[in-house]
Protein backbone atom coordinates (compact mmCIF):
# COMPACT_ATOMS: atom_id res chain seq x y z
CA UNK A 1 -20.14 -13.85 31.00
CA UNK A 2 -19.81 -17.34 29.59
CA UNK A 3 -17.04 -19.85 30.23
CA UNK A 4 -16.99 -22.95 28.04
CA UNK A 5 -14.53 -25.83 27.78
CA UNK A 6 -15.05 -28.51 25.16
CA UNK A 7 -12.88 -31.56 24.59
CA UNK A 8 -13.40 -35.19 23.67
CA UNK A 9 -14.31 -36.23 27.23
CA UNK A 10 -15.47 -32.92 28.76
CA UNK A 11 -18.18 -30.45 27.85
CA UNK A 12 -18.33 -27.74 30.53
CA UNK A 13 -20.39 -24.56 30.25
CA UNK A 14 -20.60 -22.01 33.10
CA UNK A 15 -22.86 -18.99 32.63
CA UNK A 16 -22.22 -16.06 34.98
CA UNK A 17 -24.54 -13.05 35.11
CA UNK A 18 -22.71 -9.97 33.83
CA UNK A 19 -24.07 -7.94 36.72
CA UNK A 20 -22.39 -10.35 39.14
CA UNK A 21 -19.09 -10.69 37.26
CA UNK A 22 -18.74 -6.90 36.79
CA UNK A 23 -20.06 -5.63 40.11
CA UNK A 24 -18.57 -3.12 42.53
CA UNK A 25 -18.00 -5.90 45.05
CA UNK A 26 -15.88 -7.86 42.57
CA UNK A 27 -13.98 -4.64 41.73
CA UNK A 28 -13.07 -4.18 45.41
CA UNK A 29 -11.85 -7.76 45.70
CA UNK A 30 -9.88 -7.54 42.43
CA UNK A 31 -8.27 -4.26 43.53
CA UNK A 32 -6.80 -6.01 46.56
CA UNK A 33 -5.05 -8.51 44.27
CA UNK A 34 -3.56 -5.98 41.81
CA UNK A 35 -0.84 -4.82 44.24
CA UNK A 36 -2.07 -1.22 44.10
CA UNK A 37 -1.80 -0.89 40.32
CA UNK A 38 -5.58 -0.40 39.90
CA UNK A 39 -8.00 0.99 42.44
CA UNK A 40 -11.52 -0.31 42.99
CA UNK A 41 -12.87 2.89 41.41
CA UNK A 42 -10.79 2.37 38.25
CA UNK A 43 -11.92 -1.25 37.98
CA UNK A 44 -15.55 -0.19 38.43
CA UNK A 45 -15.14 2.24 35.53
CA UNK A 46 -13.60 -0.49 33.38
CA UNK A 47 -16.50 -2.82 34.23
CA UNK A 48 -19.04 -0.11 33.33
CA UNK A 49 -17.37 0.42 29.95
CA UNK A 50 -17.38 -3.33 29.29
CA UNK A 51 -21.10 -3.45 30.04
CA UNK A 52 -21.70 -0.54 27.63
CA UNK A 53 -19.68 -2.29 24.93
CA UNK A 54 -21.68 -5.49 25.40
CA UNK A 55 -24.99 -3.63 25.06
CA UNK A 56 -23.91 -1.82 21.89
CA UNK A 57 -21.87 -4.47 20.07
CA UNK A 58 -22.90 -7.87 21.43
CA UNK A 59 -20.63 -10.59 22.82
CA UNK A 60 -16.93 -9.93 23.36
CA UNK A 61 -14.47 -12.86 23.43
CA UNK A 62 -11.76 -12.40 26.05
CA UNK A 63 -10.05 -15.75 25.55
CA UNK A 64 -10.42 -18.14 22.62
CA UNK A 65 -8.07 -21.13 22.57
CA UNK A 66 -8.19 -24.06 20.14
CA UNK A 67 -5.54 -26.71 20.85
CA UNK A 68 -4.13 -29.30 18.50
CA UNK A 69 -5.94 -32.15 20.28
CA UNK A 70 -9.33 -30.48 19.69
CA UNK A 71 -9.89 -28.87 23.07
CA UNK A 72 -11.66 -25.51 22.86
CA UNK A 73 -11.68 -22.94 25.66
CA UNK A 74 -13.74 -19.75 25.39
CA UNK A 75 -14.39 -16.94 27.86
CA UNK A 76 -16.71 -14.25 26.58
CA UNK A 77 -18.75 -11.38 27.93
C-alpha cells in the first residue's frame, strides 16, 4: 500500500507492506470499529481478495484527489 501527498511545500510518501496493511491482526482491530457490521472473518476475506486482485491486475487506486491549488493525494494498493 502506498500513501502519497504532494503539494507546493510538502512531498510525503509512506510505503506500507501489503502483508501488514491487509493482515488478520488489522482485520480484528478494524472489526472492533465497524460497530458489528463486518466481522473479522469477513474483513480477512476482503483483504485476501484485494491481495489476489493486486497480484493479477497490478496497483489499485483507492483514493485519488487533485485539488485546485495543486495538492495531490493518492492511496493505492
